[in-house]
Amino acid sequence: TATPEQVGAFKTPSLRNVAGRAPYMHDGRFAT
């Protein structure tokens, strides 16, 4: 807890079926 590495860090999503799961990133910012 309370480590600098945790600030702004998000879980690594699986890339399984990734081509059909747009948009991307934790806030869906990227369409492609």
All heavy atoms as atom14 arrays in JSON, in Angstrom:
{
  "sequence": "TATPEQVGAFKTPSLRNVAGRAPYMHDGRFAT",
  "atom14_mask": [
    [1, 1, 1, 1, 1, 1, 1, 0, 0, 0, 0, 0, 0, 0],
    [1, 1, 1, 1, 1, 0, 0, 0, 0, 0, 0, 0, 0, 0],
    [1, 1, 1, 1, 1, 1, 1, 0, 0, 0, 0, 0, 0, 0],
    [1, 1, 1, 1, 1, 1, 1, 0, 0, 0, 0, 0, 0, 0],
    [1, 1, 1, 1, 1, 1, 1, 1, 1, 0, 0, 0, 0, 0],
    [1, 1, 1, 1, 1, 1, 1, 1, 1, 0, 0, 0, 0, 0],
    [1, 1, 1, 1, 1, 1, 1, 0, 0, 0, 0, 0, 0, 0],
    [1, 1, 1, 1, 0, 0, 0, 0, 0, 0, 0, 0, 0, 0],
    [1, 1, 1, 1, 1, 0, 0, 0, 0, 0, 0, 0, 0, 0],
    [1, 1, 1, 1, 1, 1, 1, 1, 1, 1, 1, 0, 0, 0],
    [1, 1, 1, 1, 1, 1, 1, 1, 1, 0, 0, 0, 0, 0],
    [1, 1, 1, 1, 1, 1, 1, 0, 0, 0, 0, 0, 0, 0],
    [1, 1, 1, 1, 1, 1, 1, 0, 0, 0, 0, 0, 0, 0],
    [1, 1, 1, 1, 1, 1, 0, 0, 0, 0, 0, 0, 0, 0],
    [1, 1, 1, 1, 1, 1, 1, 1, 0, 0, 0, 0, 0, 0],
    [1, 1, 1, 1, 1, 1, 1, 1, 1, 1, 1, 0, 0, 0],
    [1, 1, 1, 1, 1, 1, 1, 1, 0, 0, 0, 0, 0, 0],
    [1, 1, 1, 1, 1, 1, 1, 0, 0, 0, 0, 0, 0, 0],
    [1, 1, 1, 1, 1, 0, 0, 0, 0, 0, 0, 0, 0, 0],
    [1, 1, 1, 1, 0, 0, 0, 0, 0, 0, 0, 0, 0, 0],
    [1, 1, 1, 1, 1, 1, 1, 1, 1, 1, 1, 0, 0, 0],
    [1, 1, 1, 1, 1, 0, 0, 0, 0, 0, 0, 0, 0, 0],
    [1, 1, 1, 1, 1, 1, 1, 0, 0, 0, 0, 0, 0, 0],
    [1, 1, 1, 1, 1, 1, 1, 1, 1, 1, 1, 1, 0, 0],
    [1, 1, 1, 1, 1, 1, 1, 1, 0, 0, 0, 0, 0, 0],
    [1, 1, 1, 1, 1, 1, 1, 1, 1, 1, 0, 0, 0, 0],
    [1, 1, 1, 1, 1, 1, 1, 1, 0, 0, 0, 0, 0, 0],
    [1, 1, 1, 1, 0, 0, 0, 0, 0, 0, 0, 0, 0, 0],
    [1, 1, 1, 1, 1, 1, 1, 1, 1, 1, 1, 0, 0, 0],
    [1, 1, 1, 1, 1, 1, 1, 1, 1, 1, 1, 0, 0, 0],
    [1, 1, 1, 1, 1, 0, 0, 0, 0, 0, 0, 0, 0, 0],
    [1, 1, 1, 1, 1, 1, 1, 0, 0, 0, 0, 0, 0, 0]
  ],
  "atom14_positions": [
    [[0.84, -1.2, 0.0], [0.0, 0.0, 0.0], [0.88, 1.24, 0.0], [2.01, 1.23, 0.47], [-0.92, 0.03, 1.24], [-0.1, 0.0, 2.42], [-1.86, -1.15, 1.26], [0.0, 0.0, 0.0], [0.0, 0.0, 0.0], [0.0, 0.0, 0.0], [0.0, 0.0, 0.0], [0.0, 0.0, 0.0], [0.0, 0.0, 0.0], [0.0, 0.0, 0.0]],
    [[0.3, 2.3, -0.55], [0.94, 3.63, -0.52], [2.34, 3.62, -1.11], [3.25, 4.27, -0.61], [0.99, 4.15, 0.92], [0.0, 0.0, 0.0], [0.0, 0.0, 0.0], [0.0, 0.0, 0.0], [0.0, 0.0, 0.0], [0.0, 0.0, 0.0], [0.0, 0.0, 0.0], [0.0, 0.0, 0.0], [0.0, 0.0, 0.0], [0.0, 0.0, 0.0]],
    [[2.53, 2.87, -2.2], [3.81, 2.9, -2.89], [3.72, 3.84, -4.08], [2.66, 3.94, -4.71], [4.22, 1.5, -3.36], [3.28, 1.04, -4.34], [4.25, 0.52, -2.2], [0.0, 0.0, 0.0], [0.0, 0.0, 0.0], [0.0, 0.0, 0.0], [0.0, 0.0, 0.0], [0.0, 0.0, 0.0], [0.0, 0.0, 0.0], [0.0, 0.0, 0.0]],
    [[4.8, 4.51, -4.44], [4.74, 5.44, -5.58], [4.34, 4.77, -6.88], [3.69, 5.4, -7.73], [6.18, 5.97, -5.66], [6.75, 5.76, -4.29], [6.11, 4.52, -3.77], [0.0, 0.0, 0.0], [0.0, 0.0, 0.0], [0.0, 0.0, 0.0], [0.0, 0.0, 0.0], [0.0, 0.0, 0.0], [0.0, 0.0, 0.0], [0.0, 0.0, 0.0]],
    [[4.69, 3.49, -7.04], [4.38, 2.78, -8.29], [2.88, 2.6, -8.49], [2.42, 2.38, -9.62], [5.05, 1.41, -8.3], [6.57, 1.46, -8.34], [7.18, 1.74, -6.98], [6.45, 1.69, -5.96], [8.4, 2.02, -6.93], [0.0, 0.0, 0.0], [0.0, 0.0, 0.0], [0.0, 0.0, 0.0], [0.0, 0.0, 0.0], [0.0, 0.0, 0.0]],
    [[2.1, 2.66, -7.43], [0.65, 2.44, -7.55], [-0.09, 3.67, -8.06], [-1.22, 3.55, -8.55], [0.08, 2.03, -6.19], [0.56, 0.68, -5.71], [0.06, 0.37, -4.31], [-0.19, 1.27, -3.51], [-0.07, -0.9, -4.0], [0.0, 0.0, 0.0], [0.0, 0.0, 0.0], [0.0, 0.0, 0.0], [0.0, 0.0, 0.0], [0.0, 0.0, 0.0]],
    [[0.5, 4.83, -7.96], [-0.18, 6.06, -8.34], [-0.33, 6.11, -9.87], [0.66, 6.04, -10.61], [0.6, 7.3, -7.85], [-0.1, 8.58, -8.31], [0.72, 7.27, -6.34], [0.0, 0.0, 0.0], [0.0, 0.0, 0.0], [0.0, 0.0, 0.0], [0.0, 0.0, 0.0], [0.0, 0.0, 0.0], [0.0, 0.0, 0.0], [0.0, 0.0, 0.0]],
    [[-1.57, 6.21, -10.33], [-1.83, 6.25, -11.76], [-1.65, 4.93, -12.47], [-1.58, 4.89, -13.7], [0.0, 0.0, 0.0], [0.0, 0.0, 0.0], [0.0, 0.0, 0.0], [0.0, 0.0, 0.0], [0.0, 0.0, 0.0], [0.0, 0.0, 0.0], [0.0, 0.0, 0.0], [0.0, 0.0, 0.0], [0.0, 0.0, 0.0], [0.0, 0.0, 0.0]],
    [[-1.57, 3.84, -11.72], [-1.39, 2.52, -12.32], [-2.74, 1.82, -12.47], [-3.61, 1.93, -11.6], [-0.46, 1.67, -11.44], [0.0, 0.0, 0.0], [0.0, 0.0, 0.0], [0.0, 0.0, 0.0], [0.0, 0.0, 0.0], [0.0, 0.0, 0.0], [0.0, 0.0, 0.0], [0.0, 0.0, 0.0], [0.0, 0.0, 0.0], [0.0, 0.0, 0.0]],
    [[-2.88, 1.07, -13.57], [-4.11, 0.33, -13.84], [-3.77, -1.09, -14.25], [-2.66, -1.39, -14.69], [-4.92, 1.03, -14.93], [-5.39, 2.4, -14.52], [-4.61, 3.51, -14.78], [-6.58, 2.56, -13.85], [-5.03, 4.77, -14.37], [-7.0, 3.8, -13.43], [-6.23, 4.92, -13.7], [0.0, 0.0, 0.0], [0.0, 0.0, 0.0], [0.0, 0.0, 0.0]],
    [[-4.74, -1.96, -14.1], [-4.52, -3.39, -14.34], [-4.23, -3.66, -15.81], [-4.86, -3.1, -16.7], [-5.75, -4.19, -13.89], [-5.55, -5.7, -13.95], [-6.77, -6.41, -13.41], [-6.58, -7.93, -13.49], [-7.77, -8.65, -12.99], [0.0, 0.0, 0.0], [0.0, 0.0, 0.0], [0.0, 0.0, 0.0], [0.0, 0.0, 0.0], [0.0, 0.0, 0.0]],
    [[-3.28, -4.56, -16.04], [-2.97, -4.99, -17.4], [-4.13, -5.84, -17.93], [-4.39, -6.92, -17.38], [-1.69, -5.84, -17.43], [-0.63, -5.12, -16.82], [-1.32, -6.21, -18.86], [0.0, 0.0, 0.0], [0.0, 0.0, 0.0], [0.0, 0.0, 0.0], [0.0, 0.0, 0.0], [0.0, 0.0, 0.0], [0.0, 0.0, 0.0], [0.0, 0.0, 0.0]],
    [[-4.83, -5.41, -18.96], [-5.93, -6.23, -19.47], [-5.4, -7.38, -20.31], [-4.3, -7.31, -20.87], [-6.72, -5.25, -20.34], [-5.7, -4.28, -20.82], [-4.7, -4.14, -19.69], [0.0, 0.0, 0.0], [0.0, 0.0, 0.0], [0.0, 0.0, 0.0], [0.0, 0.0, 0.0], [0.0, 0.0, 0.0], [0.0, 0.0, 0.0], [0.0, 0.0, 0.0]],
    [[-6.17, -8.46, -20.4], [-5.83, -9.54, -21.31], [-5.92, -9.03, -22.75], [-6.78, -8.21, -23.08], [-6.8, -10.71, -21.12], [-6.62, -11.67, -22.15], [0.0, 0.0, 0.0], [0.0, 0.0, 0.0], [0.0, 0.0, 0.0], [0.0, 0.0, 0.0], [0.0, 0.0, 0.0], [0.0, 0.0, 0.0], [0.0, 0.0, 0.0], [0.0, 0.0, 0.0]],
    [[-5.04, -9.54, -23.6], [-5.11, -9.2, -25.02], [-5.86, -10.26, -25.82], [-5.96, -10.15, -27.05], [-3.7, -9.03, -25.6], [-2.91, -7.83, -25.08], [-1.6, -7.7, -25.84], [-3.71, -6.54, -25.19], [0.0, 0.0, 0.0], [0.0, 0.0, 0.0], [0.0, 0.0, 0.0], [0.0, 0.0, 0.0], [0.0, 0.0, 0.0], [0.0, 0.0, 0.0]],
    [[-6.41, -11.24, -25.15], [-7.26, -12.21, -25.84], [-8.45, -11.48, -26.47], [-9.12, -10.68, -25.81], [-7.75, -13.28, -24.87], [-6.64, -14.18, -24.35], [-6.31, -15.24, -25.36], [-5.03, -15.93, -25.07], [-4.51, -16.82, -25.88], [-5.13, -17.13, -27.0], [-3.36, -17.38, -25.57], [0.0, 0.0, 0.0], [0.0, 0.0, 0.0], [0.0, 0.0, 0.0]],
    [[-8.69, -11.74, -27.77], [-9.81, -11.13, -28.51], [-9.72, -9.61, -28.58], [-10.72, -8.93, -28.76], [-11.16, -11.55, -27.91], [-11.41, -13.04, -28.02], [-10.6, -13.79, -28.58], [-12.52, -13.49, -27.5], [0.0, 0.0, 0.0], [0.0, 0.0, 0.0], [0.0, 0.0, 0.0], [0.0, 0.0, 0.0], [0.0, 0.0, 0.0], [0.0, 0.0, 0.0]],
    [[-8.52, -9.06, -28.43], [-8.37, -7.61, -28.31], [-8.81, -6.88, -29.58], [-9.33, -5.75, -29.5], [-6.92, -7.25, -27.94], [-5.95, -7.59, -29.07], [-6.81, -5.79, -27.55], [0.0, 0.0, 0.0], [0.0, 0.0, 0.0], [0.0, 0.0, 0.0], [0.0, 0.0, 0.0], [0.0, 0.0, 0.0], [0.0, 0.0, 0.0], [0.0, 0.0, 0.0]],
    [[-8.64, -7.48, -30.75], [-8.99, -6.79, -31.99], [-10.49, -6.49, -32.08], [-10.89, -5.56, -32.78], [-8.56, -7.62, -33.21], [0.0, 0.0, 0.0], [0.0, 0.0, 0.0], [0.0, 0.0, 0.0], [0.0, 0.0, 0.0], [0.0, 0.0, 0.0], [0.0, 0.0, 0.0], [0.0, 0.0, 0.0], [0.0, 0.0, 0.0], [0.0, 0.0, 0.0]],
    [[-11.3, -7.23, -31.35], [-12.75, -7.01, -31.38], [-13.28, -6.32, -30.15], [-14.5, -6.33, -29.92], [0.0, 0.0, 0.0], [0.0, 0.0, 0.0], [0.0, 0.0, 0.0], [0.0, 0.0, 0.0], [0.0, 0.0, 0.0], [0.0, 0.0, 0.0], [0.0, 0.0, 0.0], [0.0, 0.0, 0.0], [0.0, 0.0, 0.0], [0.0, 0.0, 0.0]],
    [[-12.39, -5.71, -29.37], [-12.83, -5.11, -28.11], [-12.52, -3.62, -28.03], [-12.23, -3.1, -26.95], [-12.19, -5.83, -26.93], [-12.73, -7.23, -26.67], [-12.71, -7.55, -25.19], [-11.46, -7.18, -24.56], [-10.4, -7.97, -24.41], [-10.44, -9.19, -24.91], [-9.31, -7.55, -23.81], [0.0, 0.0, 0.0], [0.0, 0.0, 0.0], [0.0, 0.0, 0.0]],
    [[-12.57, -2.92, -29.13], [-12.39, -1.47, -29.09], [-13.56, -0.83, -28.34], [-14.66, -1.38, -28.32], [-12.32, -0.92, -30.51], [0.0, 0.0, 0.0], [0.0, 0.0, 0.0], [0.0, 0.0, 0.0], [0.0, 0.0, 0.0], [0.0, 0.0, 0.0], [0.0, 0.0, 0.0], [0.0, 0.0, 0.0], [0.0, 0.0, 0.0], [0.0, 0.0, 0.0]],
    [[-13.35, 0.35, -27.74], [-12.12, 1.12, -27.63], [-11.22, 0.6, -26.49], [-11.6, -0.34, -25.8], [-12.61, 2.53, -27.34], [-13.89, 2.33, -26.6], [-14.51, 1.08, -27.18], [0.0, 0.0, 0.0], [0.0, 0.0, 0.0], [0.0, 0.0, 0.0], [0.0, 0.0, 0.0], [0.0, 0.0, 0.0], [0.0, 0.0, 0.0], [0.0, 0.0, 0.0]],
    [[-10.08, 1.28, -26.3], [-9.04, 0.72, -25.44], [-8.62, 1.68, -24.32], [-8.86, 2.87, -24.38], [-7.82, 0.36, -26.3], [-8.19, -0.58, -27.42], [-8.32, -0.12, -28.74], [-8.45, -1.92, -27.17], [-8.68, -0.98, -29.77], [-8.81, -2.78, -28.19], [-8.94, -2.31, -29.49], [-9.3, -3.16, -30.5], [0.0, 0.0, 0.0], [0.0, 0.0, 0.0]],
    [[-7.99, 1.09, -23.32], [-7.49, 1.73, -22.1], [-8.61, 1.86, -21.06], [-9.78, 1.64, -21.35], [-6.82, 3.07, -22.37], [-5.68, 2.99, -23.36], [-4.4, 1.81, -22.81], [-3.22, 1.93, -24.14], [0.0, 0.0, 0.0], [0.0, 0.0, 0.0], [0.0, 0.0, 0.0], [0.0, 0.0, 0.0], [0.0, 0.0, 0.0], [0.0, 0.0, 0.0]],
    [[-8.22, 2.2, -19.84], [-9.18, 2.19, -18.74], [-10.29, 3.22, -18.91], [-11.35, 3.11, -18.29], [-8.46, 2.43, -17.4], [-7.96, 3.83, -17.23], [-6.77, 4.26, -17.74], [-8.51, 4.91, -16.61], [-6.59, 5.54, -17.44], [-7.62, 5.95, -16.76], [0.0, 0.0, 0.0], [0.0, 0.0, 0.0], [0.0, 0.0, 0.0], [0.0, 0.0, 0.0]],
    [[-10.05, 4.23, -19.76], [-11.08, 5.23, -20.0], [-11.54, 5.25, -21.45], [-12.19, 6.19, -21.89], [-10.59, 6.62, -19.59], [-9.26, 7.0, -20.25], [-8.78, 6.22, -21.1], [-8.72, 8.06, -19.91], [0.0, 0.0, 0.0], [0.0, 0.0, 0.0], [0.0, 0.0, 0.0], [0.0, 0.0, 0.0], [0.0, 0.0, 0.0], [0.0, 0.0, 0.0]],
    [[-11.21, 4.2, -22.19], [-11.69, 4.08, -23.55], [-11.25, 5.18, -24.48], [-11.93, 5.49, -25.46], [0.0, 0.0, 0.0], [0.0, 0.0, 0.0], [0.0, 0.0, 0.0], [0.0, 0.0, 0.0], [0.0, 0.0, 0.0], [0.0, 0.0, 0.0], [0.0, 0.0, 0.0], [0.0, 0.0, 0.0], [0.0, 0.0, 0.0], [0.0, 0.0, 0.0]],
    [[-10.08, 5.74, -24.25], [-9.66, 6.93, -25.0], [-9.23, 6.64, -26.43], [-9.27, 7.52, -27.28], [-8.51, 7.62, -24.28], [-7.22, 6.85, -24.3], [-6.07, 7.61, -23.65], [-6.38, 7.97, -22.29], [-6.39, 9.23, -21.83], [-6.1, 10.23, -22.63], [-6.67, 9.48, -20.58], [0.0, 0.0, 0.0], [0.0, 0.0, 0.0], [0.0, 0.0, 0.0]],
    [[-8.78, 5.41, -26.71], [-8.27, 5.09, -28.03], [-9.28, 4.23, -28.79], [-9.7, 3.18, -28.31], [-6.94, 4.35, -27.93], [-5.83, 5.17, -27.32], [-4.94, 4.6, -26.42], [-5.69, 6.51, -27.63], [-3.92, 5.35, -25.85], [-4.67, 7.27, -27.06], [-3.79, 6.69, -26.17], [0.0, 0.0, 0.0], [0.0, 0.0, 0.0], [0.0, 0.0, 0.0]],
    [[-9.61, 4.68, -29.99], [-10.62, 3.97, -30.79], [-10.04, 2.81, -31.57], [-10.78, 1.9, -31.97], [-11.3, 4.95, -31.74], [0.0, 0.0, 0.0], [0.0, 0.0, 0.0], [0.0, 0.0, 0.0], [0.0, 0.0, 0.0], [0.0, 0.0, 0.0], [0.0, 0.0, 0.0], [0.0, 0.0, 0.0], [0.0, 0.0, 0.0], [0.0, 0.0, 0.0]],
    [[-8.74, 2.82, -31.82], [-8.13, 1.79, -32.66], [-6.84, 1.26, -32.04], [-6.21, 1.93, -31.21], [-7.79, 2.36, -34.05], [-6.76, 3.35, -33.92], [-9.01, 2.97, -34.71], [0.0, 0.0, 0.0], [0.0, 0.0, 0.0], [0.0, 0.0, 0.0], [0.0, 0.0, 0.0], [0.0, 0.0, 0.0], [0.0, 0.0, 0.0], [0.0, 0.0, 0.0]]
  ]
}
